[in-house]
Amino acid sequence: MKQNRARMWLLPALAGIVILTPFAYSAGRYAWASRFAAQKPFLQVPSASSQRCVRDPEWMRLNHMDLLEELRDKTVREGIRSEVTLRSCSQCHKDKTQFCDKCHQAANLRPDCFDCHSYSADRSVARLERGP
């Protein structure tokens, strides 16, 4: 009789463990992540305070890659050059390591823009590195 009672509770107990395990795992991950969360990187303030950015800073944080891709497509595919270029960005945001790289490293991203283009306010045209 005692064996039947033990078996009667075994199946619901196992089912409860199986059902509750993902919830416990998620709660544990959330607690761990909130305890060791990475801080938001502090971005360099633009050096030319009189000039405004192309868009609102919050919009640029979230959508700059879309803007750069759109400008790239217009320039390369349609031949339409815009006032907004990497050079115009680098005129206000002088240091690429403090401006671009800091956020990209925090987000674990590696943009391929700088494989071909240099980020420098001193150069009038972005440098194209040619392979052998």
Protein backbone atom coordinates (compact mmCIF):
# COMPACT_ATOMS: atom_id res chain seq x y z
CA MET A 1 0.00 0.00 0.00
CA LYS A 2 2.83 2.39 0.87
CA GLN A 3 4.46 1.71 -2.48
CA ASN A 4 1.27 2.72 -4.31
CA ARG A 5 1.12 6.02 -2.38
CA ALA A 6 4.73 6.74 -3.22
CA ARG A 7 4.10 6.05 -6.90
CA MET A 8 0.94 8.15 -6.82
CA TRP A 9 2.93 11.24 -5.74
CA LEU A 10 5.94 10.54 -7.94
CA LEU A 11 4.33 11.38 -11.28
CA PRO A 12 2.81 14.75 -10.21
CA ALA A 13 6.06 15.67 -8.46
CA LEU A 14 8.11 14.94 -11.59
CA ALA A 15 5.61 16.81 -13.75
CA GLY A 16 5.83 19.81 -11.41
CA ILE A 17 9.61 19.78 -11.56
CA VAL A 18 9.59 19.61 -15.35
CA ILE A 19 7.05 22.44 -15.62
CA LEU A 20 8.73 24.72 -13.06
CA THR A 21 12.35 24.22 -14.19
CA PRO A 22 12.23 26.78 -17.06
CA PHE A 23 10.69 29.39 -14.75
CA ALA A 24 13.34 28.82 -12.09
CA TYR A 25 16.07 28.97 -14.73
CA SER A 26 14.72 32.27 -16.11
CA ALA A 27 14.42 33.79 -12.65
CA GLY A 28 17.98 32.76 -11.84
CA ARG A 29 19.31 34.19 -15.10
CA TYR A 30 17.47 37.46 -14.50
CA ALA A 31 18.85 37.75 -10.97
CA TRP A 32 22.38 36.97 -12.20
CA ALA A 33 22.16 39.39 -15.14
CA SER A 34 20.77 42.24 -13.06
CA ARG A 35 23.53 41.79 -10.50
CA PHE A 36 26.33 41.82 -13.07
CA ALA A 37 24.77 44.04 -15.73
CA ALA A 38 27.17 46.08 -17.84
CA GLN A 39 26.91 49.81 -17.50
CA LYS A 40 25.95 51.94 -20.48
CA PRO A 41 29.07 53.41 -22.04
CA PHE A 42 29.53 57.14 -21.63
CA LEU A 43 29.95 58.74 -25.02
CA GLN A 44 32.27 61.58 -25.78
CA VAL A 45 30.51 64.94 -25.96
CA PRO A 46 30.82 66.54 -29.41
CA SER A 47 33.75 68.93 -29.60
CA ALA A 48 31.92 71.52 -31.70
CA SER A 49 29.02 72.51 -29.47
CA SER A 50 27.66 75.06 -31.96
CA GLN A 51 26.95 72.36 -34.55
CA ARG A 52 23.92 70.13 -34.25
CA CYS A 53 23.89 66.45 -35.02
CA VAL A 54 22.01 65.28 -38.08
CA ARG A 55 19.23 63.85 -35.92
CA ASP A 56 18.21 63.73 -32.28
CA PRO A 57 20.91 61.95 -30.19
CA GLU A 58 18.47 59.30 -28.92
CA TRP A 59 17.36 58.53 -32.49
CA MET A 60 20.99 58.35 -33.62
CA ARG A 61 21.85 55.87 -30.84
CA LEU A 62 19.23 53.47 -32.12
CA ASN A 63 19.18 54.12 -35.88
CA HIS A 64 22.56 55.46 -37.01
CA MET A 65 23.36 52.25 -38.85
CA ASP A 66 20.17 52.56 -40.91
CA LEU A 67 21.00 56.16 -41.77
CA LEU A 68 24.55 55.25 -42.83
CA GLU A 69 23.28 52.36 -44.97
CA GLU A 70 20.71 54.63 -46.62
CA LEU A 71 23.35 57.25 -47.36
CA ARG A 72 25.70 54.56 -48.68
CA ASP A 73 23.02 53.22 -51.03
CA LYS A 74 22.17 56.70 -52.33
CA THR A 75 25.82 57.51 -52.92
CA VAL A 76 26.97 54.23 -54.42
CA ARG A 77 23.89 53.14 -56.33
CA GLU A 78 22.27 56.45 -57.28
CA GLY A 79 25.27 58.78 -57.31
CA ILE A 80 23.60 61.22 -54.91
CA ARG A 81 26.09 62.70 -52.45
CA SER A 82 24.80 64.02 -49.16
CA GLU A 83 26.14 66.52 -46.65
CA VAL A 84 26.19 63.74 -44.08
CA THR A 85 29.31 61.60 -44.35
CA LEU A 86 31.72 59.88 -41.99
CA ARG A 87 33.83 63.01 -42.34
CA SER A 88 30.97 65.22 -41.14
CA CYS A 89 30.51 62.91 -38.14
CA SER A 90 34.21 63.02 -37.34
CA GLN A 91 34.25 66.82 -37.37
CA CYS A 92 32.24 66.89 -34.14
CA HIS A 93 33.04 63.46 -32.73
CA LYS A 94 36.82 63.59 -33.12
CA ASP A 95 37.97 60.42 -31.39
CA LYS A 96 36.64 57.21 -32.98
CA THR A 97 37.80 55.11 -30.03
CA GLN A 98 35.81 57.23 -27.57
CA PHE A 99 32.79 57.66 -29.79
CA CYS A 100 32.22 54.67 -32.11
CA ASP A 101 34.32 51.89 -30.65
CA LYS A 102 33.13 52.30 -27.07
CA CYS A 103 29.49 51.50 -27.90
CA HIS A 104 30.29 48.88 -30.50
CA GLN A 105 32.46 47.02 -27.99
CA ALA A 106 29.76 47.23 -25.32
CA ALA A 107 27.25 45.80 -27.81
CA ASN A 108 29.79 43.21 -29.03
CA LEU A 109 29.62 44.51 -32.60
CA ARG A 110 32.29 45.04 -35.23
CA PRO A 111 31.12 47.36 -38.01
CA ASP A 112 32.86 46.84 -41.32
CA CYS A 113 32.73 50.53 -42.33
CA PHE A 114 36.26 51.14 -41.16
CA ASP A 115 37.72 48.26 -43.10
CA CYS A 116 37.68 50.62 -46.09
CA HIS A 117 36.98 54.09 -44.69
CA SER A 118 39.13 56.04 -42.29
CA TYR A 119 37.47 58.02 -39.55
CA SER A 120 39.35 61.29 -39.57
CA ALA A 121 38.28 64.92 -39.76
CA ASP A 122 41.62 65.84 -41.33
CA ARG A 123 41.08 63.96 -44.56
CA SER A 124 38.72 65.33 -47.17
CA VAL A 125 37.86 61.95 -48.66
CA ALA A 126 37.57 58.61 -46.94
CA ARG A 127 40.60 56.46 -47.65
CA LEU A 128 40.08 53.24 -49.54
CA GLU A 129 42.59 50.60 -48.56
CA ARG A 130 43.47 48.49 -51.54
CA GLY A 131 44.60 44.92 -51.21
CA PRO A 132 47.53 43.34 -53.07
